[in-house]
C-alpha atoms as a PDB file:
ATOM      1  CA  UNK A   1      67.638 199.969 280.011  1.00  0.00           C
ATOM      2  CA  UNK A   2      64.334 201.604 279.085  1.00  0.00           C
ATOM      3  CA  UNK A   3      66.179 203.959 276.745  1.00  0.00           C
ATOM      4  CA  UNK A   4      66.609 201.263 274.077  1.00  0.00           C
ATOM      5  CA  UNK A   5      62.893 200.908 273.080  1.00  0.00           C
ATOM      6  CA  UNK A   6      62.517 204.690 273.071  1.00  0.00           C
ATOM      7  CA  UNK A   7      65.607 205.110 270.876  1.00  0.00           C
ATOM      8  CA  UNK A   8      64.398 202.357 268.583  1.00  0.00           C
ATOM      9  CA  UNK A   9      60.946 203.989 268.204  1.00  0.00           C
ATOM     10  CA  UNK A  10      62.494 207.377 267.427  1.00  0.00           C
ATOM     11  CA  UNK A  11      64.763 205.749 264.846  1.00  0.00           C
ATOM     12  CA  UNK A  12      61.844 204.019 263.135  1.00  0.00           C
ATOM     13  CA  UNK A  13      59.806 207.239 263.068  1.00  0.00           C
ATOM     14  CA  UNK A  14      62.678 209.264 261.634  1.00  0.00           C
ATOM     15  CA  UNK A  15      64.592 206.864 259.408  1.00  0.00           C
ATOM     16  CA  UNK A  16      61.855 204.880 257.741  1.00  0.00           C
ATOM     17  CA  UNK A  17      59.357 207.734 257.829  1.00  0.00           C
ATOM     18  CA  UNK A  18      61.756 209.830 255.757  1.00  0.00           C
ATOM     19  CA  UNK A  19      62.504 206.783 253.619  1.00  0.00           C
ATOM     20  CA  UNK A  20      58.799 206.294 252.846  1.00  0.00           C
ATOM     21  CA  UNK A  21      58.363 209.954 251.934  1.00  0.00           C
ATOM     22  CA  UNK A  22      61.478 209.835 249.780  1.00  0.00           C
ATOM     23  CA  UNK A  23      60.221 206.762 247.914  1.00  0.00           C
ATOM     24  CA  UNK A  24      56.886 208.475 247.268  1.00  0.00           C
ATOM     25  CA  UNK A  25      58.761 211.551 246.031  1.00  0.00           C
ATOM     26  CA  UNK A  26      60.896 209.342 243.787  1.00  0.00           C
ATOM     27  CA  UNK A  27      57.840 207.726 242.178  1.00  0.00           C
ATOM     28  CA  UNK A  28      56.327 211.141 241.525  1.00  0.00           C
ATOM     29  CA  UNK A  29      59.683 212.453 240.210  1.00  0.00           C
ATOM     30  CA  UNK A  30      59.980 209.539 237.766  1.00  0.00           C
ATOM     31  CA  UNK A  31      56.462 210.274 236.478  1.00  0.00           C
ATOM     32  CA  UNK A  32      57.375 213.923 235.904  1.00  0.00           C
ATOM     33  CA  UNK A  33      60.576 212.887 234.138  1.00  0.00           C
ATOM     34  CA  UNK A  34      58.626 210.568 231.817  1.00  0.00           C
ATOM     35  CA  UNK A  35      56.329 213.477 230.941  1.00  0.00           C
ATOM     36  CA  UNK A  36      59.361 215.718 230.305  1.00  0.00           C
ATOM     37  CA  UNK A  37      60.967 213.139 228.014  1.00  0.00           C
ATOM     38  CA  UNK A  38      57.689 212.670 226.142  1.00  0.00           C
ATOM     39  CA  UNK A  39      57.608 216.441 225.580  1.00  0.00           C
ATOM     40  CA  UNK A  40      61.223 216.378 224.379  1.00  0.00           C
ATOM     41  CA  UNK A  41      60.436 213.568 221.941  1.00  0.00           C
ATOM     42  CA  UNK A  42      57.437 215.487 220.583  1.00  0.00           C
ATOM     43  CA  UNK A  43      59.585 218.603 220.076  1.00  0.00           C
ATOM     44  CA  UNK A  44      62.253 216.489 218.357  1.00  0.00           C
ATOM     45  CA  UNK A  45      59.604 215.115 215.943  1.00  0.00           C
ATOM     46  CA  UNK A  46      58.422 218.659 215.269  1.00  0.00           C
ATOM     47  CA  UNK A  47      62.002 219.705 214.517  1.00  0.00           C
ATOM     48  CA  UNK A  48      62.252 216.776 212.111  1.00  0.00           C
ATOM     49  CA  UNK A  49      59.143 218.051 210.282  1.00  0.00           C
ATOM     50  CA  UNK A  50      60.684 221.537 210.122  1.00  0.00           C
ATOM     51  CA  UNK A  51      63.806 220.001 208.590  1.00  0.00           C
ATOM     52  CA  UNK A  52      61.710 218.299 205.889  1.00  0.00           C
ATOM     53  CA  UNK A  53      60.005 221.634 205.116  1.00  0.00           C
ATOM     54  CA  UNK A  54      63.414 223.278 204.944  1.00  0.00           C
ATOM     55  CA  UNK A  55      64.664 220.578 202.543  1.00  0.00           C
ATOM     56  CA  UNK A  56      61.639 221.192 200.299  1.00  0.00           C
ATOM     57  CA  UNK A  57      62.522 224.904 200.233  1.00  0.00           C
ATOM     58  CA  UNK A  58      66.080 224.058 199.251  1.00  0.00           C
ATOM     59  CA  UNK A  59      64.942 221.719 196.474  1.00  0.00           C
ATOM     60  CA  UNK A  60      62.588 224.392 195.115  1.00  0.00           C
ATOM     61  CA  UNK A  61      65.338 227.003 195.176  1.00  0.00           C
ATOM     62  CA  UNK A  62      67.763 224.634 193.450  1.00  0.00           C
ATOM     63  CA  UNK A  63      65.268 223.809 190.700  1.00  0.00           C
ATOM     64  CA  UNK A  64      64.429 227.467 190.020  1.00  0.00           C
ATOM     65  CA  UNK A  65      68.099 228.388 190.103  1.00  0.00           C
ATOM     66  CA  UNK A  66      68.928 225.694 187.528  1.00  0.00           C
ATOM     67  CA  UNK A  67      66.081 226.825 185.262  1.00  0.00           C
ATOM     68  CA  UNK A  68      67.154 230.463 185.475  1.00  0.00           C
ATOM     69  CA  UNK A  69      70.778 229.548 184.846  1.00  0.00           C
ATOM     70  CA  UNK A  70      69.805 227.381 181.838  1.00  0.00           C
ATOM     71  CA  UNK A  71      67.787 230.244 180.356  1.00  0.00           C
ATOM     72  CA  UNK A  72      70.671 232.611 180.972  1.00  0.00           C
ATOM     73  CA  UNK A  73      73.078 230.259 179.197  1.00  0.00           C
ATOM     74  CA  UNK A  74      70.698 230.089 176.234  1.00  0.00           C
ATOM     75  CA  UNK A  75      70.571 233.878 176.079  1.00  0.00           C
ATOM     76  CA  UNK A  76      74.345 234.107 176.319  1.00  0.00           C
ATOM     77  CA  UNK A  77      75.004 231.479 173.614  1.00  0.00           C
ATOM     78  CA  UNK A  78      72.507 232.866 171.023  1.00  0.00           C
ATOM     79  CA  UNK A  79      74.012 234.869 168.048  1.00  0.00           C
ATOM     80  CA  UNK A  80      72.760 236.058 164.599  1.00  0.00           C
ATOM     81  CA  UNK A  81      74.104 234.596 161.341  1.00  0.00           C
ATOM     82  CA  UNK A  82      76.627 236.391 159.242  1.00  0.00           C
ATOM     83  CA  UNK A  83      74.880 239.100 157.232  1.00  0.00           C
ATOM     84  CA  UNK A  84      75.800 241.472 154.474  1.00  0.00           C
ATOM     85  CA  UNK A  85      74.924 245.114 154.042  1.00  0.00           C
ATOM     86  CA  UNK A  86      75.765 246.068 150.432  1.00  0.00           C
ATOM     87  CA  UNK A  87      79.388 245.044 149.849  1.00  0.00           C
ATOM     88  CA  UNK A  88      80.230 244.886 153.622  1.00  0.00           C
ATOM     89  CA  UNK A  89      80.282 241.487 155.378  1.00  0.00           C
ATOM     90  CA  UNK A  90      79.825 241.498 159.181  1.00  0.00           C
ATOM     91  CA  UNK A  91      81.170 239.107 161.814  1.00  0.00           C
ATOM     92  CA  UNK A  92      78.813 237.233 164.214  1.00  0.00           C
ATOM     93  CA  UNK A  93      77.655 239.383 167.121  1.00  0.00           C
ATOM     94  CA  UNK A  94      76.458 238.271 170.576  1.00  0.00           C
ATOM     95  CA  UNK A  95      72.727 237.681 170.713  1.00  0.00           C
ATOM     96  CA  UNK A  96      70.660 240.388 172.363  1.00  0.00           C
ATOM     97  CA  UNK A  97      67.903 239.046 174.648  1.00  0.00           C
ATOM     98  CA  UNK A  98      64.439 240.308 174.083  1.00  0.00           C
ATOM     99  CA  UNK A  99      62.898 242.660 176.694  1.00  0.00           C
ATOM    100  CA  UNK A 100      60.397 239.935 177.600  1.00  0.00           C
ATOM    101  CA  UNK A 101      63.194 237.417 178.288  1.00  0.00           C
ATOM    102  CA  UNK A 102      65.012 239.937 180.467  1.00  0.00           C
ATOM    103  CA  UNK A 103      61.820 240.648 182.426  1.00  0.00           C
ATOM    104  CA  UNK A 104      61.257 236.897 182.905  1.00  0.00           C
ATOM    105  CA  UNK A 105      64.816 236.506 184.158  1.00  0.00           C
ATOM    106  CA  UNK A 106      64.408 239.424 186.572  1.00  0.00           C
ATOM    107  CA  UNK A 107      61.132 237.925 187.793  1.00  0.00           C
ATOM    108  CA  UNK A 108      62.846 234.592 188.439  1.00  0.00           C
ATOM    109  CA  UNK A 109      65.667 236.324 190.299  1.00  0.00           C
ATOM    110  CA  UNK A 110      63.112 238.154 192.482  1.00  0.00           C
ATOM    111  CA  UNK A 111      61.318 234.851 193.101  1.00  0.00           C
ATOM    112  CA  UNK A 112      64.617 233.248 194.120  1.00  0.00           C
ATOM    113  CA  UNK A 113      65.307 236.132 196.495  1.00  0.00           C
ATOM    114  CA  UNK A 114      61.844 235.721 198.064  1.00  0.00           C
ATOM    115  CA  UNK A 115      62.365 231.969 198.463  1.00  0.00           C
ATOM    116  CA  UNK A 116      65.761 232.662 199.961  1.00  0.00           C
ATOM    117  CA  UNK A 117      64.158 234.996 202.529  1.00  0.00           C
ATOM    118  CA  UNK A 118      61.528 232.388 203.400  1.00  0.00           C
ATOM    119  CA  UNK A 119      64.266 229.775 203.796  1.00  0.00           C
ATOM    120  CA  UNK A 120      66.212 232.124 206.078  1.00  0.00           C
ATOM    121  CA  UNK A 121      63.097 232.613 208.201  1.00  0.00           C
ATOM    122  CA  UNK A 122      62.614 228.829 208.355  1.00  0.00           C
ATOM    123  CA  UNK A 123      66.238 228.475 209.498  1.00  0.00           C
ATOM    124  CA  UNK A 124      65.634 231.077 212.243  1.00  0.00           C
ATOM    125  CA  UNK A 125      62.524 229.174 213.354  1.00  0.00           C
ATOM    126  CA  UNK A 126      64.529 225.949 213.428  1.00  0.00           C
ATOM    127  CA  UNK A 127      67.255 227.570 215.526  1.00  0.00           C
ATOM    128  CA  UNK A 128      64.575 228.848 217.926  1.00  0.00           C
ATOM    129  CA  UNK A 129      63.166 225.330 218.202  1.00  0.00           C
ATOM    130  CA  UNK A 130      66.652 223.962 218.911  1.00  0.00           C
ATOM    131  CA  UNK A 131      67.228 226.624 221.562  1.00  0.00           C
ATOM    132  CA  UNK A 132      63.907 225.763 223.174  1.00  0.00           C
ATOM    133  CA  UNK A 133      64.852 222.081 223.055  1.00  0.00           C
ATOM    134  CA  UNK A 134      68.071 222.872 224.875  1.00  0.00           C
ATOM    135  CA  UNK A 135      66.456 225.455 227.152  1.00  0.00           C
ATOM    136  CA  UNK A 136      63.980 225.060 230.028  1.00  0.00           C
ATOM    137  CA  UNK A 137      62.944 221.484 229.172  1.00  0.00           C
ATOM    138  CA  UNK A 138      66.535 220.245 229.193  1.00  0.00           C
ATOM    139  CA  UNK A 139      67.252 222.250 232.366  1.00  0.00           C
ATOM    140  CA  UNK A 140      64.210 220.786 234.139  1.00  0.00           C
ATOM    141  CA  UNK A 141      65.305 217.278 233.135  1.00  0.00           C
ATOM    142  CA  UNK A 142      68.827 217.866 234.438  1.00  0.00           C
ATOM    143  CA  UNK A 143      67.416 219.275 237.705  1.00  0.00           C
ATOM    144  CA  UNK A 144      65.169 216.235 238.104  1.00  0.00           C
ATOM    145  CA  UNK A 145      68.093 213.889 237.475  1.00  0.00           C
ATOM    146  CA  UNK A 146      70.193 215.748 240.061  1.00  0.00           C
ATOM    147  CA  UNK A 147      67.296 215.597 242.520  1.00  0.00           C
ATOM    148  CA  UNK A 148      66.993 211.873 241.828  1.00  0.00           C
ATOM    149  CA  UNK A 149      70.676 211.355 242.601  1.00  0.00           C
ATOM    150  CA  UNK A 150      70.410 213.465 245.779  1.00  0.00           C
ATOM    151  CA  UNK A 151      67.389 211.460 246.972  1.00  0.00           C
ATOM    152  CA  UNK A 152      69.236 208.236 246.222  1.00  0.00           C
ATOM    153  CA  UNK A 153      72.251 209.426 248.253  1.00  0.00           C
ATOM    154  CA  UNK A 154      69.936 210.455 251.081  1.00  0.00           C
ATOM    155  CA  UNK A 155      68.304 207.008 251.115  1.00  0.00           C
ATOM    156  CA  UNK A 156      71.715 205.349 251.194  1.00  0.00           C
ATOM    157  CA  UNK A 157      72.674 207.579 254.118  1.00  0.00           C
ATOM    158  CA  UNK A 158      69.458 206.552 255.907  1.00  0.00           C
ATOM    159  CA  UNK A 159      70.401 202.926 255.279  1.00  0.00           C
ATOM    160  CA  UNK A 160      73.827 203.467 256.825  1.00  0.00           C
ATOM    161  CA  UNK A 161      72.207 205.196 259.820  1.00  0.00           C
ATOM    162  CA  UNK A 162      69.843 202.237 260.150  1.00  0.00           C
ATOM    163  CA  UNK A 163      72.777 199.822 260.160  1.00  0.00           C
ATOM    164  CA  UNK A 164      74.485 201.847 262.879  1.00  0.00           C
ATOM    165  CA  UNK A 165      71.292 201.943 264.935  1.00  0.00           C
ATOM    166  CA  UNK A 166      70.951 198.203 264.374  1.00  0.00           C
ATOM    167  CA  UNK A 167      74.372 197.649 265.860  1.00  0.00           C
ATOM    168  CA  UNK A 168      73.417 199.837 268.827  1.00  0.00           C
ATOM    169  CA  UNK A 169      70.236 197.827 269.325  1.00  0.00           C
ATOM    170  CA  UNK A 170      72.169 194.573 269.140  1.00  0.00           C
ATOM    171  CA  UNK A 171      74.522 195.875 271.813  1.00  0.00           C
ATOM    172  CA  UNK A 172      71.513 196.857 273.929  1.00  0.00           C
ATOM    173  CA  UNK A 173      70.033 193.390 273.377  1.00  0.00           C
ATOM    174  CA  UNK A 174      73.259 191.758 274.527  1.00  0.00           C
ATOM    175  CA  UNK A 175      73.160 193.818 277.704  1.00  0.00           C
ATOM    176  CA  UNK A 176      69.506 192.947 278.306  1.00  0.00           C
ATOM    177  CA  UNK A 177      69.611 189.153 277.989  1.00  0.00           C
ATOM    178  CA  UNK A 178      68.040 188.976 281.431  1.00  0.00           C
ATOM    179  CA  UNK A 179      64.814 190.425 279.969  1.00  0.00           C
ATOM    180  CA  UNK A 180      63.448 187.728 277.561  1.00  0.00           C
ATOM    181  CA  UNK A 181      60.257 189.589 276.729  1.00  0.00           C
ATOM    182  CA  UNK A 182      62.106 192.756 275.778  1.00  0.00           C
ATOM    183  CA  UNK A 183      64.589 190.706 273.779  1.00  0.00           C
ATOM    184  CA  UNK A 184      61.773 188.972 271.868  1.00  0.00           C
ATOM    185  CA  UNK A 185      60.168 192.325 271.049  1.00  0.00           C
ATOM    186  CA  UNK A 186      63.542 193.655 269.990  1.00  0.00           C
ATOM    187  CA  UNK A 187      64.139 190.666 267.700  1.00  0.00           C
ATOM    188  CA  UNK A 188      60.710 191.212 266.161  1.00  0.00           C
ATOM    189  CA  UNK A 189      61.531 194.837 265.503  1.00  0.00           C
ATOM    190  CA  UNK A 190      64.911 193.826 264.093  1.00  0.00           C
ATOM    191  CA  UNK A 191      63.182 191.399 261.728  1.00  0.00           C
ATOM    192  CA  UNK A 192      60.875 194.192 260.598  1.00  0.00           C
ATOM    193  CA  UNK A 193      63.892 196.403 260.030  1.00  0.00           C
ATOM    194  CA  UNK A 194      65.457 193.681 257.876  1.00  0.00           C
ATOM    195  CA  UNK A 195      62.262 193.473 255.826  1.00  0.00           C
ATOM    196  CA  UNK A 196      62.234 197.251 255.431  1.00  0.00           C
ATOM    197  CA  UNK A 197      65.884 197.116 254.426  1.00  0.00           C
ATOM    198  CA  UNK A 198      65.163 194.496 251.754  1.00  0.00           C
ATOM    199  CA  UNK A 199      62.221 196.576 250.499  1.00  0.00           C
ATOM    200  CA  UNK A 200      64.473 199.617 250.356  1.00  0.00           C
ATOM    201  CA  UNK A 201      67.140 197.719 248.401  1.00  0.00           C
ATOM    202  CA  UNK A 202      64.493 196.530 245.939  1.00  0.00           C
ATOM    203  CA  UNK A 203      63.141 200.060 245.529  1.00  0.00           C
ATOM    204  CA  UNK A 204      66.663 201.359 245.115  1.00  0.00           C
ATOM    205  CA  UNK A 205      67.307 198.807 242.344  1.00  0.00           C
ATOM    206  CA  UNK A 206      64.087 199.853 240.575  1.00  0.00           C
ATOM    207  CA  UNK A 207      65.115 203.485 240.912  1.00  0.00           C
ATOM    208  CA  UNK A 208      68.476 202.607 239.366  1.00  0.00           C
ATOM    209  CA  UNK A 209      66.692 201.101 236.342  1.00  0.00           C
ATOM    210  CA  UNK A 210      64.492 204.208 236.019  1.00  0.00           C
ATOM    211  CA  UNK A 211      67.553 206.407 236.339  1.00  0.00           C
ATOM    212  CA  UNK A 212      69.360 204.527 233.565  1.00  0.00           C
ATOM    213  CA  UNK A 213      66.283 204.784 231.325  1.00  0.00           C
ATOM    214  CA  UNK A 214      66.067 208.514 232.006  1.00  0.00           C
ATOM    215  CA  UNK A 215      69.762 208.970 231.191  1.00  0.00           C
ATOM    216  CA  UNK A 216      69.336 206.979 227.974  1.00  0.00           C
ATOM    217  CA  UNK A 217      66.365 209.103 226.905  1.00  0.00           C
ATOM    218  CA  UNK A 218      68.294 212.275 227.738  1.00  0.00           C
ATOM    219  CA  UNK A 219      71.266 211.088 225.658  1.00  0.00           C
ATOM    220  CA  UNK A 220      68.953 210.259 222.746  1.00  0.00           C
ATOM    221  CA  UNK A 221      67.440 213.755 222.899  1.00  0.00           C
ATOM    222  CA  UNK A 222      70.921 215.256 222.948  1.00  0.00           C
ATOM    223  CA  UNK A 223      71.954 213.232 219.882  1.00  0.00           C
ATOM    224  CA  UNK A 224      68.824 214.326 218.048  1.00  0.00           C
ATOM    225  CA  UNK A 225      69.529 217.954 218.889  1.00  0.00           C
ATOM    226  CA  UNK A 226      73.122 217.618 217.644  1.00  0.00           C
ATOM    227  CA  UNK A 227      71.915 215.934 214.451  1.00  0.00           C
ATOM    228  CA  UNK A 228      69.417 218.749 213.878  1.00  0.00           C
ATOM    229  CA  UNK A 229      72.176 221.312 214.476  1.00  0.00           C
ATOM    230  CA  UNK A 230      74.443 219.573 211.925  1.00  0.00           C
ATOM    231  CA  UNK A 231      71.604 219.461 209.393  1.00  0.00           C
ATOM    232  CA  UNK A 232      70.948 223.139 209.999  1.00  0.00           C
ATOM    233  CA  UNK A 233      74.627 223.899 209.296  1.00  0.00           C
ATOM    234  CA  UNK A 234      74.416 221.995 206.008  1.00  0.00           C
ATOM    235  CA  UNK A 235      71.323 223.947 205.048  1.00  0.00           C
ATOM    236  CA  UNK A 236      73.091 227.220 205.862  1.00  0.00           C
ATOM    237  CA  UNK A 237      75.927 226.170 203.541  1.00  0.00           C
ATOM    238  CA  UNK A 238      73.387 225.404 200.796  1.00  0.00           C
ATOM    239  CA  UNK A 239      71.762 228.787 201.392  1.00  0.00           C
ATOM    240  CA  UNK A 240      75.149 230.498 201.052  1.00  0.00           C
ATOM    241  CA  UNK A 241      75.737 228.637 197.770  1.00  0.00           C
ATOM    242  CA  UNK A 242      72.337 229.700 196.469  1.00  0.00           C
ATOM    243  CA  UNK A 243      73.048 233.312 197.381  1.00  0.00           C
ATOM    244  CA  UNK A 244      76.324 233.087 195.462  1.00  0.00           C
ATOM    245  CA  UNK A 245      74.465 231.727 192.418  1.00  0.00           C
ATOM    246  CA  UNK A 246      71.909 234.540 192.679  1.00  0.00           C
ATOM    247  CA  UNK A 247      74.696 237.128 192.804  1.00  0.00           C
ATOM    248  CA  UNK A 248      76.313 235.571 189.755  1.00  0.00           C
ATOM    249  CA  UNK A 249      72.990 235.591 187.894  1.00  0.00           C
ATOM    250  CA  UNK A 250      72.596 239.264 188.684  1.00  0.00           C
ATOM    251  CA  UNK A 251      76.108 239.938 187.393  1.00  0.00           C
ATOM    252  CA  UNK A 252      75.377 237.984 184.200  1.00  0.00           C
ATOM    253  CA  UNK A 253      72.134 239.909 183.743  1.00  0.00           C
ATOM    254  CA  UNK A 254      74.026 243.193 183.982  1.00  0.00           C
ATOM    255  CA  UNK A 255      76.563 241.924 181.454  1.00  0.00           C
ATOM    256  CA  UNK A 256      73.749 240.939 179.066  1.00  0.00           C
ATOM    257  CA  UNK A 257      72.273 244.419 179.384  1.00  0.00           C
ATOM    258  CA  UNK A 258      75.698 245.875 178.572  1.00  0.00           C
ATOM    259  CA  UNK A 259      76.057 243.577 175.533  1.00  0.00           C
ATOM    260  CA  UNK A 260      72.588 244.607 174.386  1.00  0.00           C
ATOM    261  CA  UNK A 261      73.663 248.262 174.432  1.00  0.00           C
ATOM    262  CA  UNK A 262      76.823 247.432 172.498  1.00  0.00           C
ATOM    263  CA  UNK A 263      74.767 245.495 169.941  1.00  0.00           C
ATOM    264  CA  UNK A 264      72.443 248.448 169.412  1.00  0.00           C
ATOM    265  CA  UNK A 265      75.451 250.726 168.908  1.00  0.00           C
ATOM    266  CA  UNK A 266      76.981 248.269 166.417  1.00  0.00           C
ATOM    267  CA  UNK A 267      73.719 248.116 164.485  1.00  0.00           C
ATOM    268  CA  UNK A 268      73.636 251.893 164.309  1.00  0.00           C
ATOM    269  CA  UNK A 269      77.252 251.949 163.096  1.00  0.00           C
ATOM    270  CA  UNK A 270      76.454 249.327 160.453  1.00  0.00           C
ATOM    271  CA  UNK A 271      73.439 251.304 159.282  1.00  0.00           C
ATOM    272  CA  UNK A 272      75.609 254.415 158.993  1.00  0.00           C
ATOM    273  CA  UNK A 273      78.220 252.400 157.065  1.00  0.00           C
ATOM    274  CA  UNK A 274      75.528 251.036 154.756  1.00  0.00           C
ATOM    275  CA  UNK A 275      74.272 254.536 154.029  1.00  0.00           C
ATOM    276  CA  UNK A 276      77.848 255.713 153.435  1.00  0.00           C
ATOM    277  CA  UNK A 277      78.375 252.780 151.057  1.00  0.00           C
ATOM    278  CA  UNK A 278      75.194 253.687 149.189  1.00  0.00           C
ATOM    279  CA  UNK A 279      76.381 257.293 148.903  1.00  0.00           C
ATOM    280  CA  UNK A 280      79.719 256.085 147.538  1.00  0.00           C
ATOM    281  CA  UNK A 281      77.912 253.881 145.025  1.00  0.00           C
ATOM    282  CA  UNK A 282      75.867 256.853 143.855  1.00  0.00           C
ATOM    283  CA  UNK A 283      78.971 259.024 143.641  1.00  0.00           C
ATOM    284  CA  UNK A 284      80.771 256.305 141.661  1.00  0.00           C
ATOM    285  CA  UNK A 285      77.798 256.002 139.328  1.00  0.00           C
ATOM    286  CA  UNK A 286      77.720 259.773 138.807  1.00  0.00           C
ATOM    287  CA  UNK A 287      81.467 259.731 138.211  1.00  0.00           C
ATOM    288  CA  UNK A 288      81.154 256.897 135.690  1.00  0.00           C
ATOM    289  CA  UNK A 289      78.406 258.757 133.828  1.00  0.00           C
ATOM    290  CA  UNK A 290      80.467 261.967 133.869  1.00  0.00           C
ATOM    291  CA  UNK A 291      83.578 260.163 132.583  1.00  0.00           C
ATOM    292  CA  UNK A 292      81.518 258.362 129.982  1.00  0.00           C
ATOM    293  CA  UNK A 293      79.988 261.659 128.811  1.00  0.00           C
ATOM    294  CA  UNK A 294      83.410 263.290 128.642  1.00  0.00           C
ATOM    295  CA  UNK A 295      84.814 260.343 126.708  1.00  0.00           C
ATOM    296  CA  UNK A 296      81.896 260.438 124.291  1.00  0.00           C
ATOM    297  CA  UNK A 297      82.357 264.212 123.848  1.00  0.00           C
ATOM    298  CA  UNK A 298      86.076 263.760 123.220  1.00  0.00           C
ATOM    299  CA  UNK A 299      85.363 260.965 120.736  1.00  0.00           C
ATOM    300  CA  UNK A 300      82.794 263.100 118.941  1.00  0.00           C
ATOM    301  CA  UNK A 301      85.215 266.037 118.821  1.00  0.00           C
ATOM    302  CA  UNK A 302      87.935 263.776 117.496  1.00  0.00           C
ATOM    303  CA  UNK A 303      85.672 262.439 114.745  1.00  0.00           C
ATOM    304  CA  UNK A 304      84.672 265.979 113.751  1.00  0.00           C
ATOM    305  CA  UNK A 305      88.261 267.127 113.460  1.00  0.00           C
ATOM    306  CA  UNK A 306      89.176 264.117 111.440  1.00  0.00           C
END
């Protein structure tokens, strides 16, 4: 019969000693989790700032692209009036941009390319931030949540062991009804165990609330990361569109250069035609004078013969 108090003491030392240590570990684990979630929130705010910087880059690129495209359209739509060289009338020709306008356009294209490179670098930085958000911090949080669940399961197992030991002690008490003093001490210890059980249930409920809060914060961080990833995809699409516009501007610039060469050739051809027309006019004038002189000579000869 003396084995019952010894067994009860060993149970208290093991079961509730481990339970107390586990509760202390849980409190410390919750504090660490709060710090981890605060760090995640700070990194999410930083990613939001990076997104705003990225949007500013996109707006700047869009504005400069529109200005360059507008200037290009003006250069493409310009044309000289109809002009005449002697008796030859020319058709309207495409306008040739000045060298200064072409240099300005090339400078704007280079500026767009530089902005595009800076935007690409900002996108890489954003992806690095997203990877870091999903990396060690998220892994540590998941490990802490798993540890929290394991500790909770261990405490529940301790509670079940305590209930089994309680039944054993009750059986021992039933067999020791002839020892009132031992029974009174046993009832006192049982009452203490009930109090410890109630305290454990209360702590377990508080841990459940903390666990739900931690899961909610983790889900919020995940949603923010997904939102940042979607925004990054949109920005990549905008970047691809800007690159397409830049390529088209380069193609248009090459076409303008080609038209400028054709215009110079046409001007040279017109100048040659004008000179040829002037030569023909001189030849016609010489011919008219020669014919007139011959006619006058023939008239004079006719008058003399008459």
